[in-house]
């Protein structure tokens, strides 16, 4: 047997160099972020200004509740939508004509409607002042009342 040649340590050294390079890059990024912090661009307009695209979106979102209504529609603003399910519960002498459909398929489910009422009431409590600023608080409250009257 001849003398053993010692080699194969280069793989470990490459791994050490890679780890040191990653640590050096992380330190460089941390220092750069400390010196030049990134800032979000300012919101245009004065504080509390109403952005029309958000108020239009809220109006369309509250209109969705009007589209999903079941029963005798009062002050119907949806021209293609008429009264529906006026005799729901009549066999059991119950008035189940109100409520809301679940996804426009002419089915009313209790749990999804309860979830909708919960989220809608939470939104009214949390953001009612902003809804009032864009004249959408009353339609949201009317939709919530429609659900709770069911």
N, C-alpha and C. Protein backbone atom coordinates (compact mmCIF):
# COMPACT_ATOMS: atom_id res chain seq x y z
N UNK A 1 0.83 -1.16 0.00
CA UNK A 1 0.00 0.00 0.00
C UNK A 1 0.88 1.24 0.00
N UNK A 2 0.53 2.10 -0.83
CA UNK A 2 1.31 3.31 -0.97
C UNK A 2 0.80 4.41 -0.03
N UNK A 3 1.46 5.51 -0.08
CA UNK A 3 1.02 6.62 0.77
C UNK A 3 -0.35 7.15 0.30
N UNK A 4 -1.18 7.53 1.27
CA UNK A 4 -2.52 8.07 0.96
C UNK A 4 -2.43 9.53 0.58
N UNK A 5 -3.14 9.85 -0.44
CA UNK A 5 -3.16 11.23 -0.89
C UNK A 5 -4.37 11.92 -0.25
N UNK A 6 -4.17 13.02 0.41
CA UNK A 6 -5.26 13.73 1.08
C UNK A 6 -5.81 14.78 0.13
N UNK A 7 -7.03 14.54 -0.33
CA UNK A 7 -7.73 15.52 -1.16
C UNK A 7 -9.21 15.37 -0.86
N UNK A 8 -10.00 16.21 -1.40
CA UNK A 8 -11.44 16.14 -1.19
C UNK A 8 -11.92 17.20 -0.21
N UNK A 9 -11.06 18.01 0.35
CA UNK A 9 -11.46 19.07 1.26
C UNK A 9 -11.98 20.30 0.54
N UNK A 10 -11.83 20.35 -0.76
CA UNK A 10 -12.25 21.52 -1.53
C UNK A 10 -13.76 21.70 -1.52
N UNK A 11 -14.51 20.61 -1.42
CA UNK A 11 -15.98 20.70 -1.42
C UNK A 11 -16.46 21.45 -0.17
N UNK A 12 -15.85 21.17 0.96
CA UNK A 12 -16.20 21.86 2.20
C UNK A 12 -15.88 23.33 2.13
N UNK A 13 -14.73 23.66 1.52
CA UNK A 13 -14.35 25.07 1.40
C UNK A 13 -15.30 25.84 0.49
N UNK A 14 -15.78 25.20 -0.56
CA UNK A 14 -16.75 25.86 -1.45
C UNK A 14 -18.05 26.15 -0.70
N UNK A 15 -18.48 25.21 0.11
CA UNK A 15 -19.70 25.41 0.90
C UNK A 15 -19.51 26.57 1.89
N UNK A 16 -18.37 26.65 2.53
CA UNK A 16 -18.08 27.75 3.45
C UNK A 16 -18.08 29.08 2.71
N UNK A 17 -17.48 29.13 1.52
CA UNK A 17 -17.46 30.37 0.74
C UNK A 17 -18.86 30.80 0.32
N UNK A 18 -19.71 29.85 -0.05
CA UNK A 18 -21.08 30.20 -0.45
C UNK A 18 -21.84 30.78 0.75
N UNK A 19 -21.70 30.15 1.91
CA UNK A 19 -22.38 30.65 3.11
C UNK A 19 -21.88 32.05 3.46
N UNK A 20 -20.58 32.28 3.38
CA UNK A 20 -20.04 33.61 3.65
C UNK A 20 -20.53 34.64 2.64
N UNK A 21 -20.68 34.26 1.38
CA UNK A 21 -21.20 35.18 0.37
C UNK A 21 -22.65 35.55 0.66
N UNK A 22 -23.45 34.59 1.08
CA UNK A 22 -24.85 34.88 1.41
C UNK A 22 -24.93 35.81 2.61
N UNK A 23 -24.11 35.57 3.61
CA UNK A 23 -24.10 36.45 4.80
C UNK A 23 -23.67 37.86 4.41
N UNK A 24 -22.64 37.98 3.57
CA UNK A 24 -22.17 39.30 3.13
C UNK A 24 -23.25 40.02 2.33
N UNK A 25 -23.97 39.30 1.48
CA UNK A 25 -25.05 39.92 0.69
C UNK A 25 -26.18 40.39 1.61
N UNK A 26 -26.53 39.59 2.62
CA UNK A 26 -27.58 39.98 3.56
C UNK A 26 -27.19 41.22 4.34
N UNK A 27 -25.94 41.31 4.76
CA UNK A 27 -25.48 42.49 5.47
C UNK A 27 -25.53 43.71 4.57
N UNK A 28 -25.11 43.56 3.30
CA UNK A 28 -25.14 44.68 2.36
C UNK A 28 -26.57 45.17 2.13
N UNK A 29 -27.51 44.26 1.99
CA UNK A 29 -28.91 44.65 1.78
C UNK A 29 -29.45 45.34 3.02
N UNK A 30 -29.14 44.83 4.21
CA UNK A 30 -29.61 45.44 5.45
C UNK A 30 -29.08 46.86 5.61
N UNK A 31 -27.81 47.06 5.28
CA UNK A 31 -27.22 48.40 5.38
C UNK A 31 -27.87 49.33 4.37
N UNK A 32 -28.09 48.86 3.18
CA UNK A 32 -28.72 49.69 2.15
C UNK A 32 -30.14 50.09 2.55
N UNK A 33 -30.90 49.13 3.12
CA UNK A 33 -32.27 49.43 3.55
C UNK A 33 -32.25 50.45 4.71
N UNK A 34 -31.23 50.40 5.54
CA UNK A 34 -31.12 51.33 6.65
C UNK A 34 -30.80 52.74 6.15
N UNK A 35 -29.92 52.83 5.14
CA UNK A 35 -29.52 54.13 4.61
C UNK A 35 -30.60 54.72 3.71
N UNK A 36 -31.18 53.90 2.83
CA UNK A 36 -32.20 54.35 1.88
C UNK A 36 -33.49 53.57 2.10
N UNK A 37 -34.27 53.92 3.12
CA UNK A 37 -35.51 53.16 3.34
C UNK A 37 -36.52 53.42 2.22
N UNK A 38 -37.23 52.40 1.85
CA UNK A 38 -38.24 52.56 0.79
C UNK A 38 -39.49 53.16 1.41
N UNK A 39 -40.05 54.10 0.71
CA UNK A 39 -41.25 54.78 1.20
C UNK A 39 -42.35 54.63 0.18
N UNK A 40 -43.56 54.43 0.68
CA UNK A 40 -44.71 54.34 -0.20
C UNK A 40 -45.01 55.73 -0.76
N UNK A 41 -45.46 55.80 -1.99
CA UNK A 41 -45.79 57.12 -2.54
C UNK A 41 -46.98 57.72 -1.79
N UNK A 42 -47.01 59.02 -1.66
CA UNK A 42 -48.12 59.64 -0.92
C UNK A 42 -49.44 59.47 -1.67
N UNK A 43 -50.52 59.41 -0.90
CA UNK A 43 -51.85 59.31 -1.48
C UNK A 43 -52.22 60.68 -2.03
N UNK A 44 -52.70 60.73 -3.27
CA UNK A 44 -53.04 62.04 -3.83
C UNK A 44 -54.26 62.66 -3.15
N UNK A 45 -54.26 63.95 -3.06
CA UNK A 45 -55.39 64.66 -2.48
C UNK A 45 -55.23 64.90 -1.00
N UNK A 46 -56.13 65.70 -0.44
CA UNK A 46 -56.06 65.99 0.99
C UNK A 46 -56.46 64.76 1.82
N UNK A 47 -56.05 64.73 3.09
CA UNK A 47 -56.44 63.60 3.94
C UNK A 47 -57.97 63.48 4.03
N UNK A 48 -58.47 62.27 3.90
CA UNK A 48 -59.92 62.04 3.97
C UNK A 48 -60.64 62.27 2.66
N UNK A 49 -59.90 62.57 1.60
CA UNK A 49 -60.54 62.80 0.31
C UNK A 49 -61.13 61.50 -0.21
N UNK A 50 -62.26 61.60 -0.86
CA UNK A 50 -62.96 60.43 -1.39
C UNK A 50 -62.46 60.18 -2.81
N UNK A 51 -62.02 58.97 -3.07
CA UNK A 51 -61.57 58.58 -4.40
C UNK A 51 -62.79 58.01 -5.13
N UNK A 52 -63.09 58.56 -6.29
CA UNK A 52 -64.32 58.19 -6.98
C UNK A 52 -64.35 56.72 -7.39
N UNK A 53 -63.21 56.14 -7.72
CA UNK A 53 -63.24 54.75 -8.15
C UNK A 53 -63.66 53.83 -7.01
N UNK A 54 -63.32 54.18 -5.77
CA UNK A 54 -63.73 53.36 -4.64
C UNK A 54 -65.21 53.57 -4.32
N UNK A 55 -65.68 54.79 -4.45
CA UNK A 55 -67.11 55.03 -4.19
C UNK A 55 -67.97 54.36 -5.26
N UNK A 56 -67.51 54.35 -6.51
CA UNK A 56 -68.24 53.64 -7.56
C UNK A 56 -68.24 52.14 -7.32
N UNK A 57 -67.12 51.62 -6.85
CA UNK A 57 -67.03 50.19 -6.54
C UNK A 57 -67.96 49.82 -5.40
N UNK A 58 -68.04 50.66 -4.38
CA UNK A 58 -68.95 50.40 -3.26
C UNK A 58 -70.40 50.43 -3.72
N UNK A 59 -70.72 51.35 -4.62
CA UNK A 59 -72.09 51.42 -5.14
C UNK A 59 -72.45 50.14 -5.89
N UNK A 60 -71.53 49.65 -6.71
CA UNK A 60 -71.79 48.41 -7.45
C UNK A 60 -71.90 47.23 -6.49
N UNK A 61 -71.07 47.22 -5.45
CA UNK A 61 -71.11 46.12 -4.47
C UNK A 61 -72.43 46.11 -3.71
N UNK A 62 -72.94 47.28 -3.32
CA UNK A 62 -74.22 47.30 -2.62
C UNK A 62 -75.38 47.01 -3.58
N UNK A 63 -75.19 47.32 -4.85
CA UNK A 63 -76.22 46.98 -5.84
C UNK A 63 -76.34 45.47 -6.01
N UNK A 64 -75.26 44.74 -5.78
CA UNK A 64 -75.29 43.29 -5.84
C UNK A 64 -76.32 42.72 -4.87
N UNK A 65 -76.42 43.33 -3.67
CA UNK A 65 -77.41 42.86 -2.71
C UNK A 65 -78.82 43.07 -3.22
N UNK A 66 -79.07 44.17 -3.93
CA UNK A 66 -80.40 44.40 -4.51
C UNK A 66 -80.73 43.35 -5.56
N UNK A 67 -79.74 42.92 -6.30
CA UNK A 67 -79.97 41.92 -7.35
C UNK A 67 -80.31 40.57 -6.75
N UNK A 68 -79.76 40.25 -5.58
CA UNK A 68 -79.96 38.95 -4.97
C UNK A 68 -81.24 38.85 -4.14
N UNK A 69 -82.00 39.92 -4.01
CA UNK A 69 -83.19 39.92 -3.17
C UNK A 69 -84.27 38.99 -3.70
N UNK A 70 -84.98 38.40 -2.75
CA UNK A 70 -86.11 37.54 -3.06
C UNK A 70 -87.35 38.15 -2.43
N UNK A 71 -88.49 37.97 -3.07
CA UNK A 71 -89.75 38.46 -2.51
C UNK A 71 -90.32 39.63 -3.29
N UNK A 72 -91.24 40.34 -2.66
CA UNK A 72 -91.87 41.52 -3.25
C UNK A 72 -90.90 42.69 -3.15
N UNK A 73 -90.38 43.12 -4.28
CA UNK A 73 -89.37 44.17 -4.30
C UNK A 73 -90.01 45.54 -4.20
N UNK A 74 -89.53 46.33 -3.26
CA UNK A 74 -90.02 47.69 -3.06
C UNK A 74 -88.92 48.64 -3.54
N UNK A 75 -89.29 49.66 -4.27
CA UNK A 75 -88.32 50.61 -4.84
C UNK A 75 -87.23 49.87 -5.61
N UNK A 76 -87.65 49.07 -6.55
CA UNK A 76 -86.72 48.25 -7.34
C UNK A 76 -85.99 49.12 -8.35
N UNK A 77 -84.67 49.21 -8.21
CA UNK A 77 -83.85 50.00 -9.14
C UNK A 77 -83.25 49.13 -10.23
N UNK A 78 -83.44 47.84 -10.16
CA UNK A 78 -82.91 46.91 -11.16
C UNK A 78 -84.03 46.66 -12.16
N UNK A 79 -83.89 47.19 -13.36
CA UNK A 79 -85.00 47.16 -14.32
C UNK A 79 -85.34 45.75 -14.78
N UNK A 80 -84.38 44.87 -14.88
CA UNK A 80 -84.62 43.52 -15.37
C UNK A 80 -85.01 42.55 -14.26
N UNK A 81 -85.08 43.04 -13.02
CA UNK A 81 -85.36 42.18 -11.88
C UNK A 81 -86.77 42.42 -11.39
N UNK A 82 -87.54 41.35 -11.22
CA UNK A 82 -88.91 41.47 -10.75
C UNK A 82 -89.12 40.72 -9.45
N UNK A 83 -90.36 40.72 -8.98
CA UNK A 83 -90.70 39.98 -7.76
C UNK A 83 -90.48 38.49 -7.98
N UNK A 84 -90.15 37.79 -6.90
CA UNK A 84 -89.93 36.36 -7.01
C UNK A 84 -90.21 35.68 -5.69
N UNK A 85 -90.55 34.41 -5.76
CA UNK A 85 -90.75 33.55 -4.58
C UNK A 85 -91.73 34.16 -3.60
N UNK A 86 -92.85 34.68 -4.11
CA UNK A 86 -93.82 35.34 -3.25
C UNK A 86 -94.59 34.35 -2.37
N UNK A 87 -94.62 33.10 -2.75
CA UNK A 87 -95.39 32.11 -1.99
C UNK A 87 -94.51 31.17 -1.17
N UNK A 88 -93.24 31.53 -0.98
CA UNK A 88 -92.37 30.68 -0.17
C UNK A 88 -92.90 30.57 1.25
N UNK A 89 -93.07 29.35 1.73
CA UNK A 89 -93.54 29.08 3.09
C UNK A 89 -95.04 29.12 3.25
N UNK A 90 -95.78 29.35 2.18
CA UNK A 90 -97.23 29.47 2.30
C UNK A 90 -97.90 28.17 2.73
N UNK A 91 -97.33 27.02 2.38
CA UNK A 91 -97.92 25.74 2.79
C UNK A 91 -97.84 25.54 4.29
N UNK A 92 -96.84 26.14 4.93
CA UNK A 92 -96.69 26.03 6.38
C UNK A 92 -97.17 27.29 7.09
N UNK A 93 -97.92 28.14 6.39
CA UNK A 93 -98.43 29.41 6.92
C UNK A 93 -97.29 30.30 7.45
N UNK A 94 -96.17 30.33 6.70
CA UNK A 94 -95.04 31.19 7.03
C UNK A 94 -94.76 32.11 5.85
N UNK A 95 -94.31 33.30 6.17
CA UNK A 95 -93.90 34.23 5.10
C UNK A 95 -92.38 34.14 4.96
N UNK A 96 -91.92 33.36 4.01
CA UNK A 96 -90.50 33.22 3.73
C UNK A 96 -90.13 33.88 2.40
N UNK A 97 -90.91 34.87 2.02
CA UNK A 97 -90.71 35.47 0.70
C UNK A 97 -89.48 36.37 0.64
N UNK A 98 -89.03 36.90 1.76
CA UNK A 98 -87.85 37.78 1.71
C UNK A 98 -86.59 36.94 1.76
N UNK A 99 -85.48 37.55 2.08
CA UNK A 99 -84.20 36.86 2.09
C UNK A 99 -83.44 37.15 0.81
N UNK A 100 -82.36 36.44 0.64
CA UNK A 100 -81.54 36.63 -0.55
C UNK A 100 -81.14 35.29 -1.14
N UNK A 101 -81.05 35.30 -2.45
CA UNK A 101 -80.61 34.09 -3.14
C UNK A 101 -79.11 33.92 -2.97
N UNK A 102 -78.69 32.67 -3.09
CA UNK A 102 -77.27 32.36 -2.95
C UNK A 102 -76.65 32.24 -4.33
N UNK A 103 -76.04 33.23 -4.85
CA UNK A 103 -75.34 33.21 -6.13
C UNK A 103 -76.26 33.21 -7.33
N UNK A 104 -77.45 33.72 -7.20
CA UNK A 104 -78.33 33.88 -8.35
C UNK A 104 -78.93 32.59 -8.88
N UNK A 105 -78.96 31.55 -8.08
CA UNK A 105 -79.49 30.27 -8.57
C UNK A 105 -80.87 29.95 -8.02
N UNK A 106 -81.58 30.92 -7.50
CA UNK A 106 -82.94 30.77 -6.98
C UNK A 106 -83.00 29.77 -5.82
N UNK A 107 -81.95 29.71 -5.03
CA UNK A 107 -81.90 28.90 -3.82
C UNK A 107 -81.53 29.82 -2.66
N UNK A 108 -82.21 29.64 -1.54
CA UNK A 108 -81.89 30.41 -0.35
C UNK A 108 -81.31 29.45 0.69
N UNK A 109 -80.12 29.76 1.17
CA UNK A 109 -79.47 28.94 2.19
C UNK A 109 -79.27 29.80 3.43
N UNK A 110 -79.56 29.24 4.59
CA UNK A 110 -79.51 30.00 5.83
C UNK A 110 -78.10 30.41 6.25
N UNK A 111 -77.16 29.47 6.24
CA UNK A 111 -75.82 29.80 6.72
C UNK A 111 -75.11 30.83 5.84
N UNK A 112 -75.12 30.70 4.51
CA UNK A 112 -74.49 31.76 3.71
C UNK A 112 -75.17 33.12 3.88
N UNK A 113 -76.51 33.10 4.07
CA UNK A 113 -77.21 34.37 4.28
C UNK A 113 -76.84 34.96 5.64
N UNK A 114 -76.69 34.12 6.65
CA UNK A 114 -76.27 34.60 7.97
C UNK A 114 -74.86 35.16 7.92
N UNK A 115 -73.99 34.51 7.17
CA UNK A 115 -72.62 35.01 7.01
C UNK A 115 -72.64 36.37 6.31
N UNK A 116 -73.47 36.49 5.27
CA UNK A 116 -73.59 37.75 4.55
C UNK A 116 -74.08 38.86 5.47
N UNK A 117 -75.09 38.54 6.29
CA UNK A 117 -75.61 39.54 7.23
C UNK A 117 -74.55 39.93 8.25
N UNK A 118 -73.78 38.97 8.72
CA UNK A 118 -72.74 39.26 9.70
C UNK A 118 -71.67 40.17 9.12
N UNK A 119 -71.19 39.83 7.94
CA UNK A 119 -70.13 40.63 7.31
C UNK A 119 -70.65 42.02 6.94
N UNK A 120 -71.89 42.09 6.44
CA UNK A 120 -72.47 43.38 6.07
C UNK A 120 -72.65 44.26 7.30
N UNK A 121 -73.15 43.69 8.40
CA UNK A 121 -73.33 44.49 9.61
C UNK A 121 -71.99 44.92 10.19
N UNK A 122 -71.00 44.06 10.10
CA UNK A 122 -69.67 44.41 10.57
C UNK A 122 -69.09 45.55 9.73
N UNK A 123 -69.30 45.48 8.42
CA UNK A 123 -68.81 46.56 7.54
C UNK A 123 -69.52 47.87 7.86
N UNK A 124 -70.83 47.81 8.15
CA UNK A 124 -71.57 49.03 8.49
C UNK A 124 -71.05 49.62 9.79
N UNK A 125 -70.79 48.75 10.78
CA UNK A 125 -70.27 49.26 12.06
C UNK A 125 -68.87 49.84 11.90
N UNK A 126 -68.05 49.17 11.13
CA UNK A 126 -66.65 49.57 11.01
C UNK A 126 -66.47 50.76 10.07
N UNK A 127 -67.19 50.78 8.96
CA UNK A 127 -66.97 51.79 7.92
C UNK A 127 -68.21 52.61 7.60
N UNK A 128 -69.16 52.66 8.52
CA UNK A 128 -70.41 53.38 8.27
C UNK A 128 -70.22 54.84 7.95
N UNK A 129 -69.27 55.49 8.60
CA UNK A 129 -69.05 56.91 8.33
C UNK A 129 -68.55 57.13 6.90
N UNK A 130 -67.68 56.21 6.43
CA UNK A 130 -67.20 56.35 5.05
C UNK A 130 -68.30 55.98 4.04
N UNK A 131 -69.15 55.01 4.41
CA UNK A 131 -70.28 54.68 3.53
C UNK A 131 -71.25 55.86 3.44
N UNK A 132 -71.46 56.53 4.56
CA UNK A 132 -72.35 57.69 4.57
C UNK A 132 -71.79 58.82 3.71
N UNK A 133 -70.47 58.97 3.69
CA UNK A 133 -69.85 60.04 2.91
C UNK A 133 -70.09 59.88 1.41
N UNK A 134 -70.30 58.64 0.96
CA UNK A 134 -70.55 58.40 -0.47
C UNK A 134 -71.98 57.95 -0.72
N UNK A 135 -72.87 58.21 0.24
CA UNK A 135 -74.31 57.93 0.14
C UNK A 135 -74.61 56.45 -0.09
N UNK A 136 -73.86 55.56 0.55
CA UNK A 136 -74.11 54.13 0.43
C UNK A 136 -74.46 53.48 1.77
N UNK A 137 -74.56 54.26 2.83
CA UNK A 137 -74.91 53.69 4.13
C UNK A 137 -76.36 53.22 4.14
N UNK A 138 -77.27 54.03 3.63
CA UNK A 138 -78.69 53.65 3.64
C UNK A 138 -78.96 52.41 2.79
N UNK A 139 -78.43 52.29 1.56
CA UNK A 139 -78.63 51.05 0.82
C UNK A 139 -78.07 49.81 1.53
N UNK A 140 -76.94 49.97 2.20
CA UNK A 140 -76.36 48.84 2.94
C UNK A 140 -77.26 48.46 4.12
N UNK A 141 -77.77 49.46 4.83
CA UNK A 141 -78.68 49.18 5.94
C UNK A 141 -79.98 48.56 5.45
N UNK A 142 -80.48 49.02 4.31
CA UNK A 142 -81.71 48.43 3.74
C UNK A 142 -81.49 46.97 3.37
N UNK A 143 -80.34 46.66 2.81
CA UNK A 143 -80.03 45.26 2.45
C UNK A 143 -79.92 44.40 3.71
N UNK A 144 -79.31 44.94 4.74
CA UNK A 144 -79.21 44.19 6.00
C UNK A 144 -80.59 43.97 6.61
N UNK A 145 -81.44 44.98 6.56
CA UNK A 145 -82.80 44.83 7.08
C UNK A 145 -83.58 43.79 6.28
N UNK A 146 -83.37 43.76 4.98
CA UNK A 146 -84.04 42.77 4.12
C UNK A 146 -83.68 41.35 4.56
N UNK A 147 -82.41 41.15 4.88
CA UNK A 147 -81.97 39.83 5.31
C UNK A 147 -82.54 39.50 6.69
N UNK A 148 -82.46 40.45 7.61
CA UNK A 148 -82.92 40.16 8.97
C UNK A 148 -84.43 40.03 9.06
N UNK A 149 -85.17 40.64 8.15
CA UNK A 149 -86.62 40.48 8.15
C UNK A 149 -87.04 39.10 7.67
N UNK A 150 -86.17 38.43 6.97
CA UNK A 150 -86.45 37.08 6.48
C UNK A 150 -86.63 36.14 7.66
